[in-house]
């Protein structure tokens, strides 16, 4: 595989490589400069502010949180569509920041993305055959005479028939998302970053696409970075969940543990506000107030202005994300300073 030639690792296929993370973030930050006028001083919007996480093989790692918490910025950093302000993003132990030329091309073959809006991510002037054969041309994965056969195989994988000559406007939202998934699969990736892939679809179509992703994962062993605000979907699809707030991870746990026993007050209110997640269960908390500006983050715990359980150190001391009983959580209730 071309990726392996360009991104060598001195580990065995059977042993170490299966155990090491495919993707790992270390102290990852992305700050955007904001200037409100020609004479104003530059301020910094801290979209991602020091993330540490890893993605194992054949696993789904989910990032959840309210809009504006930095989830989609993480996706763009993973795809190298943005350069980090500081920190590292590693692919099989190698920093992706200096990748150029063939090595960058190989990385982008290995890590694909499914965007939130399937219509906006498809070229309206390209039919299905052109759309799905383009990645094969770029990466030299098939001869031109094989394009049609390969594209039909991809369409079959995502539950569609012979629609080679049709254009994006001729499909429903769910069909367009299936085409986007087929495009991601065209280069046999190791990782798919799914950035809110269901939010533009109605509920019945969401279930179909989610089942499709689950089937593809079972058949191919592809790992997913799954970004969503829909906790019902995350609970069903993910193995590990990281909860983000104002650019930071504030709690991380295996999916089963997090949904059974959330520890951070923000995680509790996220679960309580998710309709239908726990039928008949009593709500744990009610989340009030607005999300603070990522330019002017509150002192101490960034969640304290909205927290129903805040106490004296919360407005002064920033809680560290550290493991308590094996689970990282950034809260003074669990990690006294």
C-alpha atoms as a PDB file:
ATOM      1  CA  UNK A   1       0.000   0.000   0.000  1.00  0.00           C
ATOM      2  CA  UNK A   2       1.349   3.447  -0.975  1.00  0.00           C
ATOM      3  CA  UNK A   3       0.721   4.890   2.461  1.00  0.00           C
ATOM      4  CA  UNK A   4       2.960   2.317   4.042  1.00  0.00           C
ATOM      5  CA  UNK A   5       5.774   3.028   1.618  1.00  0.00           C
ATOM      6  CA  UNK A   6       5.648   6.756   2.315  1.00  0.00           C
ATOM      7  CA  UNK A   7       5.020   6.528   6.050  1.00  0.00           C
ATOM      8  CA  UNK A   8       7.194   3.648   7.246  1.00  0.00           C
ATOM      9  CA  UNK A   9       7.056   2.311  10.772  1.00  0.00           C
ATOM     10  CA  UNK A  10       9.453  -0.249  12.182  1.00  0.00           C
ATOM     11  CA  UNK A  11       6.784  -2.351  13.889  1.00  0.00           C
ATOM     12  CA  UNK A  12       5.337  -5.727  13.064  1.00  0.00           C
ATOM     13  CA  UNK A  13       1.885  -6.044  11.500  1.00  0.00           C
ATOM     14  CA  UNK A  14       0.766  -8.754  13.856  1.00  0.00           C
ATOM     15  CA  UNK A  15       2.066  -7.341  17.095  1.00  0.00           C
ATOM     16  CA  UNK A  16       3.032  -3.796  17.997  1.00  0.00           C
ATOM     17  CA  UNK A  17       1.371  -1.952  15.131  1.00  0.00           C
ATOM     18  CA  UNK A  18      -2.029  -3.319  16.035  1.00  0.00           C
ATOM     19  CA  UNK A  19      -1.593  -2.031  19.577  1.00  0.00           C
ATOM     20  CA  UNK A  20      -0.220   1.433  18.825  1.00  0.00           C
ATOM     21  CA  UNK A  21      -2.630   4.308  18.060  1.00  0.00           C
ATOM     22  CA  UNK A  22      -3.221   5.158  14.428  1.00  0.00           C
ATOM     23  CA  UNK A  23      -3.772   8.819  15.277  1.00  0.00           C
ATOM     24  CA  UNK A  24      -2.599  10.635  18.377  1.00  0.00           C
ATOM     25  CA  UNK A  25      -2.958  14.287  19.413  1.00  0.00           C
ATOM     26  CA  UNK A  26      -0.487  15.777  21.904  1.00  0.00           C
ATOM     27  CA  UNK A  27      -1.125  19.240  23.323  1.00  0.00           C
ATOM     28  CA  UNK A  28      -2.957  20.212  20.132  1.00  0.00           C
ATOM     29  CA  UNK A  29      -3.885  23.901  19.890  1.00  0.00           C
ATOM     30  CA  UNK A  30      -5.429  26.101  17.230  1.00  0.00           C
ATOM     31  CA  UNK A  31      -5.844  29.813  18.005  1.00  0.00           C
ATOM     32  CA  UNK A  32      -7.244  32.245  15.432  1.00  0.00           C
ATOM     33  CA  UNK A  33      -6.315  35.957  15.473  1.00  0.00           C
ATOM     34  CA  UNK A  34      -9.294  38.333  15.775  1.00  0.00           C
ATOM     35  CA  UNK A  35      -9.006  42.068  15.132  1.00  0.00           C
ATOM     36  CA  UNK A  36     -12.165  44.151  15.561  1.00  0.00           C
ATOM     37  CA  UNK A  37     -10.855  47.277  13.816  1.00  0.00           C
ATOM     38  CA  UNK A  38      -7.759  48.755  12.133  1.00  0.00           C
ATOM     39  CA  UNK A  39      -6.515  50.279  15.406  1.00  0.00           C
ATOM     40  CA  UNK A  40      -7.692  47.498  17.713  1.00  0.00           C
ATOM     41  CA  UNK A  41      -5.280  45.083  19.308  1.00  0.00           C
ATOM     42  CA  UNK A  42      -5.266  41.486  18.135  1.00  0.00           C
ATOM     43  CA  UNK A  43      -7.148  39.042  20.326  1.00  0.00           C
ATOM     44  CA  UNK A  44      -7.049  35.274  20.076  1.00  0.00           C
ATOM     45  CA  UNK A  45      -9.949  32.896  19.613  1.00  0.00           C
ATOM     46  CA  UNK A  46      -8.913  29.634  21.266  1.00  0.00           C
ATOM     47  CA  UNK A  47     -10.853  27.147  19.129  1.00  0.00           C
ATOM     48  CA  UNK A  48      -8.758  24.170  20.240  1.00  0.00           C
ATOM     49  CA  UNK A  49      -6.767  24.682  23.413  1.00  0.00           C
ATOM     50  CA  UNK A  50      -4.556  21.741  24.327  1.00  0.00           C
ATOM     51  CA  UNK A  51      -6.075  18.399  23.313  1.00  0.00           C
ATOM     52  CA  UNK A  52      -4.621  14.970  24.040  1.00  0.00           C
ATOM     53  CA  UNK A  53      -6.324  11.879  22.634  1.00  0.00           C
ATOM     54  CA  UNK A  54      -5.602   8.782  20.576  1.00  0.00           C
ATOM     55  CA  UNK A  55      -7.468   6.593  18.089  1.00  0.00           C
ATOM     56  CA  UNK A  56      -6.840   2.849  18.071  1.00  0.00           C
ATOM     57  CA  UNK A  57      -7.343   0.402  15.245  1.00  0.00           C
ATOM     58  CA  UNK A  58     -10.876  -0.706  14.439  1.00  0.00           C
ATOM     59  CA  UNK A  59     -12.355   1.716  16.980  1.00  0.00           C
ATOM     60  CA  UNK A  60     -14.697   4.713  16.966  1.00  0.00           C
ATOM     61  CA  UNK A  61     -13.565   7.748  18.941  1.00  0.00           C
ATOM     62  CA  UNK A  62     -16.304  10.347  19.363  1.00  0.00           C
ATOM     63  CA  UNK A  63     -15.981  14.062  20.077  1.00  0.00           C
ATOM     64  CA  UNK A  64     -19.129  15.631  21.515  1.00  0.00           C
ATOM     65  CA  UNK A  65     -20.151  19.042  22.802  1.00  0.00           C
ATOM     66  CA  UNK A  66     -22.209  22.115  22.006  1.00  0.00           C
ATOM     67  CA  UNK A  67     -21.765  24.079  18.786  1.00  0.00           C
ATOM     68  CA  UNK A  68     -18.627  26.209  18.927  1.00  0.00           C
ATOM     69  CA  UNK A  69     -16.668  23.931  21.258  1.00  0.00           C
ATOM     70  CA  UNK A  70     -14.005  23.204  18.614  1.00  0.00           C
ATOM     71  CA  UNK A  71     -15.049  19.789  17.266  1.00  0.00           C
ATOM     72  CA  UNK A  72     -14.982  20.710  13.569  1.00  0.00           C
ATOM     73  CA  UNK A  73     -11.687  22.558  14.002  1.00  0.00           C
ATOM     74  CA  UNK A  74     -10.207  19.293  15.288  1.00  0.00           C
ATOM     75  CA  UNK A  75     -11.508  17.572  12.134  1.00  0.00           C
ATOM     76  CA  UNK A  76      -9.772  20.110   9.912  1.00  0.00           C
ATOM     77  CA  UNK A  77      -6.543  19.770  11.859  1.00  0.00           C
ATOM     78  CA  UNK A  78      -6.737  16.004  11.401  1.00  0.00           C
ATOM     79  CA  UNK A  79      -7.132  16.426   7.647  1.00  0.00           C
ATOM     80  CA  UNK A  80      -4.296  18.965   7.587  1.00  0.00           C
ATOM     81  CA  UNK A  81      -6.666  21.551   6.179  1.00  0.00           C
ATOM     82  CA  UNK A  82      -5.508  23.781   9.050  1.00  0.00           C
ATOM     83  CA  UNK A  83      -2.067  23.989  10.633  1.00  0.00           C
ATOM     84  CA  UNK A  84      -1.970  23.819  14.443  1.00  0.00           C
ATOM     85  CA  UNK A  85      -0.787  26.777  16.486  1.00  0.00           C
ATOM     86  CA  UNK A  86       1.183  24.325  18.630  1.00  0.00           C
ATOM     87  CA  UNK A  87       1.199  20.690  19.628  1.00  0.00           C
ATOM     88  CA  UNK A  88       1.427  17.587  17.505  1.00  0.00           C
ATOM     89  CA  UNK A  89      -0.868  15.383  15.462  1.00  0.00           C
ATOM     90  CA  UNK A  90       0.750  11.984  14.894  1.00  0.00           C
ATOM     91  CA  UNK A  91      -0.147   9.354  12.311  1.00  0.00           C
ATOM     92  CA  UNK A  92       1.341   5.970  13.216  1.00  0.00           C
ATOM     93  CA  UNK A  93       3.816   7.769  15.452  1.00  0.00           C
ATOM     94  CA  UNK A  94       4.902  10.333  12.861  1.00  0.00           C
ATOM     95  CA  UNK A  95       4.108  14.050  13.090  1.00  0.00           C
ATOM     96  CA  UNK A  96       1.975  15.073  10.103  1.00  0.00           C
ATOM     97  CA  UNK A  97       2.982  18.767  10.269  1.00  0.00           C
ATOM     98  CA  UNK A  98       6.063  18.481   8.015  1.00  0.00           C
ATOM     99  CA  UNK A  99       4.418  16.143   5.479  1.00  0.00           C
ATOM    100  CA  UNK A 100       4.715  17.407   1.920  1.00  0.00           C
ATOM    101  CA  UNK A 101       4.464  16.006  -1.588  1.00  0.00           C
ATOM    102  CA  UNK A 102       4.005  12.254  -1.888  1.00  0.00           C
ATOM    103  CA  UNK A 103       3.998  11.725   1.893  1.00  0.00           C
ATOM    104  CA  UNK A 104       1.131  14.207   2.318  1.00  0.00           C
ATOM    105  CA  UNK A 105      -0.720  12.614  -0.594  1.00  0.00           C
ATOM    106  CA  UNK A 106      -0.336   9.202   1.039  1.00  0.00           C
ATOM    107  CA  UNK A 107      -1.595  10.569   4.368  1.00  0.00           C
ATOM    108  CA  UNK A 108      -4.667  12.062   2.737  1.00  0.00           C
ATOM    109  CA  UNK A 109      -5.380   8.736   1.119  1.00  0.00           C
ATOM    110  CA  UNK A 110      -5.181   7.034   4.528  1.00  0.00           C
ATOM    111  CA  UNK A 111      -7.395   9.602   6.319  1.00  0.00           C
ATOM    112  CA  UNK A 112     -10.646  10.580   4.601  1.00  0.00           C
ATOM    113  CA  UNK A 113     -13.568  12.758   5.677  1.00  0.00           C
ATOM    114  CA  UNK A 114     -17.356  12.701   5.428  1.00  0.00           C
ATOM    115  CA  UNK A 115     -18.702  16.244   5.649  1.00  0.00           C
ATOM    116  CA  UNK A 116     -21.835  17.483   7.374  1.00  0.00           C
ATOM    117  CA  UNK A 117     -23.655  18.730   4.273  1.00  0.00           C
ATOM    118  CA  UNK A 118     -23.582  16.120   1.483  1.00  0.00           C
ATOM    119  CA  UNK A 119     -24.958  18.501  -1.140  1.00  0.00           C
ATOM    120  CA  UNK A 120     -22.351  21.192  -0.483  1.00  0.00           C
ATOM    121  CA  UNK A 121     -19.518  18.645  -0.565  1.00  0.00           C
ATOM    122  CA  UNK A 122     -20.423  17.296  -4.029  1.00  0.00           C
ATOM    123  CA  UNK A 123     -19.585  19.111  -7.259  1.00  0.00           C
ATOM    124  CA  UNK A 124     -22.937  19.810  -8.962  1.00  0.00           C
ATOM    125  CA  UNK A 125     -21.291  19.600 -12.407  1.00  0.00           C
ATOM    126  CA  UNK A 126     -19.872  16.104 -11.899  1.00  0.00           C
ATOM    127  CA  UNK A 127     -21.940  12.973 -12.270  1.00  0.00           C
ATOM    128  CA  UNK A 128     -21.513  10.009  -9.942  1.00  0.00           C
ATOM    129  CA  UNK A 129     -19.001   8.227 -12.170  1.00  0.00           C
ATOM    130  CA  UNK A 130     -16.745  11.301 -12.340  1.00  0.00           C
ATOM    131  CA  UNK A 131     -17.115  11.999  -8.598  1.00  0.00           C
ATOM    132  CA  UNK A 132     -16.192   8.501  -7.452  1.00  0.00           C
ATOM    133  CA  UNK A 133     -13.485   7.837 -10.048  1.00  0.00           C
ATOM    134  CA  UNK A 134     -11.631  11.095  -9.314  1.00  0.00           C
ATOM    135  CA  UNK A 135      -9.919   9.755  -6.145  1.00  0.00           C
ATOM    136  CA  UNK A 136      -8.776   6.697  -8.103  1.00  0.00           C
ATOM    137  CA  UNK A 137      -7.226   8.948 -10.757  1.00  0.00           C
ATOM    138  CA  UNK A 138      -5.453  11.115  -8.184  1.00  0.00           C
ATOM    139  CA  UNK A 139      -3.944   8.157  -6.342  1.00  0.00           C
ATOM    140  CA  UNK A 140      -3.404   5.904  -9.365  1.00  0.00           C
ATOM    141  CA  UNK A 141      -5.530   3.082  -7.970  1.00  0.00           C
ATOM    142  CA  UNK A 142      -7.075   1.809 -11.199  1.00  0.00           C
ATOM    143  CA  UNK A 143      -6.785   1.950 -14.958  1.00  0.00           C
ATOM    144  CA  UNK A 144      -9.355   4.136 -16.759  1.00  0.00           C
ATOM    145  CA  UNK A 145     -10.955   1.025 -18.218  1.00  0.00           C
ATOM    146  CA  UNK A 146     -11.663  -0.185 -14.668  1.00  0.00           C
ATOM    147  CA  UNK A 147     -13.282   2.981 -13.322  1.00  0.00           C
ATOM    148  CA  UNK A 148     -16.854   2.027 -14.123  1.00  0.00           C
ATOM    149  CA  UNK A 149     -16.537  -1.446 -12.560  1.00  0.00           C
ATOM    150  CA  UNK A 150     -14.873  -0.070  -9.427  1.00  0.00           C
ATOM    151  CA  UNK A 151     -17.468   2.683  -9.035  1.00  0.00           C
ATOM    152  CA  UNK A 152     -20.328   0.189  -9.345  1.00  0.00           C
ATOM    153  CA  UNK A 153     -18.664  -1.911  -6.617  1.00  0.00           C
ATOM    154  CA  UNK A 154     -18.488   1.151  -4.352  1.00  0.00           C
ATOM    155  CA  UNK A 155     -22.121   2.018  -4.996  1.00  0.00           C
ATOM    156  CA  UNK A 156     -23.113  -1.553  -4.167  1.00  0.00           C
ATOM    157  CA  UNK A 157     -21.257  -1.262  -0.839  1.00  0.00           C
ATOM    158  CA  UNK A 158     -23.332   1.744   0.145  1.00  0.00           C
ATOM    159  CA  UNK A 159     -26.634   0.255  -1.021  1.00  0.00           C
ATOM    160  CA  UNK A 160     -27.046   2.008  -4.362  1.00  0.00           C
ATOM    161  CA  UNK A 161     -27.447   0.703  -7.907  1.00  0.00           C
ATOM    162  CA  UNK A 162     -26.308   1.918 -11.322  1.00  0.00           C
ATOM    163  CA  UNK A 163     -26.642   5.703 -11.057  1.00  0.00           C
ATOM    164  CA  UNK A 164     -23.355   6.533 -12.803  1.00  0.00           C
ATOM    165  CA  UNK A 165     -24.744   9.228 -15.090  1.00  0.00           C
ATOM    166  CA  UNK A 166     -26.821  11.071 -12.517  1.00  0.00           C
ATOM    167  CA  UNK A 167     -25.940  14.380 -10.806  1.00  0.00           C
ATOM    168  CA  UNK A 168     -26.171  15.464  -7.131  1.00  0.00           C
ATOM    169  CA  UNK A 169     -29.402  17.430  -7.548  1.00  0.00           C
ATOM    170  CA  UNK A 170     -31.173  14.260  -8.697  1.00  0.00           C
ATOM    171  CA  UNK A 171     -30.719  12.503  -5.332  1.00  0.00           C
ATOM    172  CA  UNK A 172     -32.256  12.780  -1.876  1.00  0.00           C
ATOM    173  CA  UNK A 173     -30.138  13.885   1.094  1.00  0.00           C
ATOM    174  CA  UNK A 174     -29.602  10.317   2.258  1.00  0.00           C
ATOM    175  CA  UNK A 175     -28.549   9.171  -1.217  1.00  0.00           C
ATOM    176  CA  UNK A 176     -26.102  12.050  -1.524  1.00  0.00           C
ATOM    177  CA  UNK A 177     -24.548  11.106   1.824  1.00  0.00           C
ATOM    178  CA  UNK A 178     -24.186   7.502   0.597  1.00  0.00           C
ATOM    179  CA  UNK A 179     -22.310   8.838  -2.429  1.00  0.00           C
ATOM    180  CA  UNK A 180     -20.046  10.860  -0.120  1.00  0.00           C
ATOM    181  CA  UNK A 181     -19.348   7.728   1.923  1.00  0.00           C
ATOM    182  CA  UNK A 182     -18.560   5.808  -1.285  1.00  0.00           C
ATOM    183  CA  UNK A 183     -16.138   8.577  -2.272  1.00  0.00           C
ATOM    184  CA  UNK A 184     -14.353   8.252   1.075  1.00  0.00           C
ATOM    185  CA  UNK A 185     -14.134   4.474   0.597  1.00  0.00           C
ATOM    186  CA  UNK A 186     -12.757   4.782  -2.949  1.00  0.00           C
ATOM    187  CA  UNK A 187      -9.157   4.973  -1.708  1.00  0.00           C
ATOM    188  CA  UNK A 188      -9.437   2.233   0.971  1.00  0.00           C
ATOM    189  CA  UNK A 189      -8.690   4.549   3.919  1.00  0.00           C
ATOM    190  CA  UNK A 190      -7.559   3.480   7.371  1.00  0.00           C
ATOM    191  CA  UNK A 191      -9.423   6.311   9.133  1.00  0.00           C
ATOM    192  CA  UNK A 192     -12.600   8.216   8.314  1.00  0.00           C
ATOM    193  CA  UNK A 193     -13.315  11.528  10.034  1.00  0.00           C
ATOM    194  CA  UNK A 194     -17.110  11.831  10.135  1.00  0.00           C
ATOM    195  CA  UNK A 195     -17.928  15.480  10.885  1.00  0.00           C
ATOM    196  CA  UNK A 196     -21.619  15.624  11.874  1.00  0.00           C
ATOM    197  CA  UNK A 197     -22.483  13.236   8.996  1.00  0.00           C
ATOM    198  CA  UNK A 198     -26.135  12.838  10.062  1.00  0.00           C
ATOM    199  CA  UNK A 199     -27.182  16.325  11.165  1.00  0.00           C
ATOM    200  CA  UNK A 200     -28.463  17.426   7.721  1.00  0.00           C
ATOM    201  CA  UNK A 201     -30.680  14.323   7.375  1.00  0.00           C
ATOM    202  CA  UNK A 202     -34.097  13.462   8.775  1.00  0.00           C
ATOM    203  CA  UNK A 203     -34.377  10.850  11.521  1.00  0.00           C
ATOM    204  CA  UNK A 204     -35.333   7.844   9.368  1.00  0.00           C
ATOM    205  CA  UNK A 205     -32.463   8.502   6.962  1.00  0.00           C
ATOM    206  CA  UNK A 206     -30.071   9.023   9.884  1.00  0.00           C
ATOM    207  CA  UNK A 207     -30.783   5.478  11.051  1.00  0.00           C
ATOM    208  CA  UNK A 208     -30.062   4.083   7.581  1.00  0.00           C
ATOM    209  CA  UNK A 209     -26.750   5.943   7.251  1.00  0.00           C
ATOM    210  CA  UNK A 210     -25.696   5.008  10.777  1.00  0.00           C
ATOM    211  CA  UNK A 211     -26.395   1.336  10.111  1.00  0.00           C
ATOM    212  CA  UNK A 212     -24.415   1.622   6.887  1.00  0.00           C
ATOM    213  CA  UNK A 213     -21.415   3.067   8.760  1.00  0.00           C
ATOM    214  CA  UNK A 214     -21.688   0.290  11.344  1.00  0.00           C
ATOM    215  CA  UNK A 215     -21.726  -2.358   8.599  1.00  0.00           C
ATOM    216  CA  UNK A 216     -18.741  -0.803   6.843  1.00  0.00           C
ATOM    217  CA  UNK A 217     -16.809  -0.737  10.093  1.00  0.00           C
ATOM    218  CA  UNK A 218     -17.566  -4.416  10.748  1.00  0.00           C
ATOM    219  CA  UNK A 219     -16.583  -5.451   7.228  1.00  0.00           C
ATOM    220  CA  UNK A 220     -13.477  -3.328   6.685  1.00  0.00           C
ATOM    221  CA  UNK A 221     -12.052  -2.532  10.143  1.00  0.00           C
ATOM    222  CA  UNK A 222     -11.904   1.197   9.371  1.00  0.00           C
ATOM    223  CA  UNK A 223     -11.393   3.431  12.404  1.00  0.00           C
ATOM    224  CA  UNK A 224     -13.589   6.510  12.862  1.00  0.00           C
ATOM    225  CA  UNK A 225     -13.234   9.918  14.445  1.00  0.00           C
ATOM    226  CA  UNK A 226     -16.941  10.591  14.916  1.00  0.00           C
ATOM    227  CA  UNK A 227     -17.989  14.190  15.584  1.00  0.00           C
ATOM    228  CA  UNK A 228     -21.552  14.779  16.687  1.00  0.00           C
ATOM    229  CA  UNK A 229     -23.827  16.664  19.058  1.00  0.00           C
ATOM    230  CA  UNK A 230     -26.420  13.860  18.968  1.00  0.00           C
ATOM    231  CA  UNK A 231     -25.660  11.739  22.009  1.00  0.00           C
ATOM    232  CA  UNK A 232     -28.106   8.990  21.045  1.00  0.00           C
ATOM    233  CA  UNK A 233     -26.063   8.353  17.915  1.00  0.00           C
ATOM    234  CA  UNK A 234     -22.774   8.557  19.801  1.00  0.00           C
ATOM    235  CA  UNK A 235     -23.924   6.031  22.392  1.00  0.00           C
ATOM    236  CA  UNK A 236     -24.857   3.552  19.663  1.00  0.00           C
ATOM    237  CA  UNK A 237     -21.813   3.947  17.419  1.00  0.00           C
ATOM    238  CA  UNK A 238     -18.764   4.883  19.518  1.00  0.00           C
ATOM    239  CA  UNK A 239     -16.276   2.965  21.654  1.00  0.00           C
ATOM    240  CA  UNK A 240     -14.656   5.963  23.387  1.00  0.00           C
ATOM    241  CA  UNK A 241     -16.109   9.429  23.970  1.00  0.00           C
ATOM    242  CA  UNK A 242     -14.391  12.735  24.695  1.00  0.00           C
ATOM    243  CA  UNK A 243     -16.557  15.653  25.836  1.00  0.00           C
ATOM    244  CA  UNK A 244     -15.355  19.089  24.687  1.00  0.00           C
ATOM    245  CA  UNK A 245     -16.083  22.507  26.153  1.00  0.00           C
ATOM    246  CA  UNK A 246     -14.508  25.736  24.868  1.00  0.00           C
ATOM    247  CA  UNK A 247     -11.690  23.985  23.047  1.00  0.00           C
ATOM    248  CA  UNK A 248     -10.738  21.528  25.796  1.00  0.00           C
ATOM    249  CA  UNK A 249     -11.587  17.936  26.624  1.00  0.00           C
ATOM    250  CA  UNK A 250     -13.212  17.952  30.044  1.00  0.00           C
ATOM    251  CA  UNK A 251     -14.119  14.268  30.331  1.00  0.00           C
ATOM    252  CA  UNK A 252     -13.166  11.107  28.477  1.00  0.00           C
ATOM    253  CA  UNK A 253     -14.339   7.536  28.971  1.00  0.00           C
ATOM    254  CA  UNK A 254     -15.441   4.358  27.212  1.00  0.00           C
ATOM    255  CA  UNK A 255     -18.891   4.967  25.774  1.00  0.00           C
ATOM    256  CA  UNK A 256     -20.661   2.474  28.044  1.00  0.00           C
ATOM    257  CA  UNK A 257     -19.128   3.999  31.190  1.00  0.00           C
ATOM    258  CA  UNK A 258     -19.730   7.607  30.228  1.00  0.00           C
ATOM    259  CA  UNK A 259     -23.418   7.118  29.459  1.00  0.00           C
ATOM    260  CA  UNK A 260     -23.931   4.992  32.556  1.00  0.00           C
ATOM    261  CA  UNK A 261     -22.075   7.277  34.969  1.00  0.00           C
ATOM    262  CA  UNK A 262     -21.096  10.749  33.718  1.00  0.00           C
ATOM    263  CA  UNK A 263     -18.816  12.583  36.135  1.00  0.00           C
ATOM    264  CA  UNK A 264     -18.381  16.135  34.888  1.00  0.00           C
ATOM    265  CA  UNK A 265     -21.439  18.382  35.540  1.00  0.00           C
ATOM    266  CA  UNK A 266     -21.330  19.484  31.889  1.00  0.00           C
ATOM    267  CA  UNK A 267     -21.544  15.871  30.704  1.00  0.00           C
ATOM    268  CA  UNK A 268     -24.486  15.345  33.046  1.00  0.00           C
ATOM    269  CA  UNK A 269     -26.436  18.242  31.600  1.00  0.00           C
ATOM    270  CA  UNK A 270     -25.608  17.197  28.034  1.00  0.00           C
ATOM    271  CA  UNK A 271     -27.116  13.798  28.738  1.00  0.00           C
ATOM    272  CA  UNK A 272     -30.102  15.352  30.499  1.00  0.00           C
ATOM    273  CA  UNK A 273     -30.798  17.619  27.533  1.00  0.00           C
ATOM    274  CA  UNK A 274     -30.664  14.831  24.957  1.00  0.00           C
ATOM    275  CA  UNK A 275     -34.263  13.841  24.123  1.00  0.00           C
ATOM    276  CA  UNK A 276     -35.070  10.175  24.415  1.00  0.00           C
ATOM    277  CA  UNK A 277     -31.614   9.121  25.560  1.00  0.00           C
ATOM    278  CA  UNK A 278     -32.892   7.620  28.807  1.00  0.00           C
ATOM    279  CA  UNK A 279     -36.663   7.108  28.522  1.00  0.00           C
ATOM    280  CA  UNK A 280     -38.409   7.712  31.839  1.00  0.00           C
ATOM    281  CA  UNK A 281     -35.210   8.691  33.623  1.00  0.00           C
ATOM    282  CA  UNK A 282     -35.125  11.696  35.894  1.00  0.00           C
ATOM    283  CA  UNK A 283     -33.146  14.626  34.531  1.00  0.00           C
ATOM    284  CA  UNK A 284     -29.848  15.140  36.350  1.00  0.00           C
ATOM    285  CA  UNK A 285     -29.517  18.884  35.820  1.00  0.00           C
ATOM    286  CA  UNK A 286     -30.730  21.816  33.741  1.00  0.00           C
ATOM    287  CA  UNK A 287     -28.161  23.774  31.760  1.00  0.00           C
ATOM    288  CA  UNK A 288     -28.707  27.530  31.730  1.00  0.00           C
ATOM    289  CA  UNK A 289     -26.887  30.535  30.340  1.00  0.00           C
ATOM    290  CA  UNK A 290     -24.937  30.998  27.127  1.00  0.00           C
ATOM    291  CA  UNK A 291     -21.636  29.461  26.107  1.00  0.00           C
ATOM    292  CA  UNK A 292     -18.912  32.035  26.932  1.00  0.00           C
ATOM    293  CA  UNK A 293     -16.873  33.552  24.133  1.00  0.00           C
ATOM    294  CA  UNK A 294     -13.812  31.482  23.174  1.00  0.00           C
ATOM    295  CA  UNK A 295     -11.982  34.836  23.005  1.00  0.00           C
ATOM    296  CA  UNK A 296     -12.762  35.755  26.609  1.00  0.00           C
ATOM    297  CA  UNK A 297     -12.812  32.428  28.439  1.00  0.00           C
ATOM    298  CA  UNK A 298     -13.805  32.744  32.120  1.00  0.00           C
ATOM    299  CA  UNK A 299     -11.134  32.397  34.778  1.00  0.00           C
ATOM    300  CA  UNK A 300     -10.874  29.142  36.681  1.00  0.00           C
ATOM    301  CA  UNK A 301     -13.033  26.352  35.303  1.00  0.00           C
ATOM    302  CA  UNK A 302     -14.457  27.616  31.989  1.00  0.00           C
ATOM    303  CA  UNK A 303     -17.776  25.927  32.770  1.00  0.00           C
ATOM    304  CA  UNK A 304     -18.239  27.464  36.227  1.00  0.00           C
ATOM    305  CA  UNK A 305     -20.581  30.368  35.186  1.00  0.00           C
ATOM    306  CA  UNK A 306     -23.149  27.745  34.079  1.00  0.00           C
ATOM    307  CA  UNK A 307     -22.351  24.925  36.473  1.00  0.00           C
ATOM    308  CA  UNK A 308     -25.085  23.845  38.923  1.00  0.00           C
ATOM    309  CA  UNK A 309     -22.466  22.301  41.247  1.00  0.00           C
ATOM    310  CA  UNK A 310     -19.847  25.063  41.406  1.00  0.00           C
ATOM    311  CA  UNK A 311     -18.130  25.893  44.682  1.00  0.00           C
ATOM    312  CA  UNK A 312     -15.346  28.166  45.948  1.00  0.00           C
ATOM    313  CA  UNK A 313     -12.286  27.138  43.848  1.00  0.00           C
ATOM    314  CA  UNK A 314     -14.183  26.816  40.565  1.00  0.00           C
ATOM    315  CA  UNK A 315     -13.972  30.503  39.611  1.00  0.00           C
ATOM    316  CA  UNK A 316     -10.275  30.802  40.459  1.00  0.00           C
ATOM    317  CA  UNK A 317      -8.415  27.548  39.741  1.00  0.00           C
ATOM    318  CA  UNK A 318      -8.351  25.820  36.348  1.00  0.00           C
ATOM    319  CA  UNK A 319      -9.048  22.098  36.904  1.00  0.00           C
ATOM    320  CA  UNK A 320      -6.594  19.673  35.333  1.00  0.00           C
ATOM    321  CA  UNK A 321      -7.718  16.815  33.127  1.00  0.00           C
ATOM    322  CA  UNK A 322      -6.425  13.852  35.062  1.00  0.00           C
ATOM    323  CA  UNK A 323      -7.504  10.291  35.678  1.00  0.00           C
ATOM    324  CA  UNK A 324      -9.707   9.490  38.644  1.00  0.00           C
ATOM    325  CA  UNK A 325     -10.463   5.780  39.039  1.00  0.00           C
ATOM    326  CA  UNK A 326      -9.096   5.276  35.545  1.00  0.00           C
ATOM    327  CA  UNK A 327     -11.159   8.000  33.849  1.00  0.00           C
ATOM    328  CA  UNK A 328      -9.866  11.474  32.915  1.00  0.00           C
ATOM    329  CA  UNK A 329     -12.100  14.291  34.115  1.00  0.00           C
ATOM    330  CA  UNK A 330     -11.361  18.004  34.574  1.00  0.00           C
ATOM    331  CA  UNK A 331     -13.445  18.932  37.617  1.00  0.00           C
ATOM    332  CA  UNK A 332     -12.647  19.977  41.193  1.00  0.00           C
ATOM    333  CA  UNK A 333     -15.371  17.640  42.427  1.00  0.00           C
ATOM    334  CA  UNK A 334     -13.229  14.711  41.304  1.00  0.00           C
ATOM    335  CA  UNK A 335      -9.722  16.185  41.372  1.00  0.00           C
ATOM    336  CA  UNK A 336      -9.323  18.555  44.336  1.00  0.00           C
ATOM    337  CA  UNK A 337      -6.617  21.083  43.580  1.00  0.00           C
END
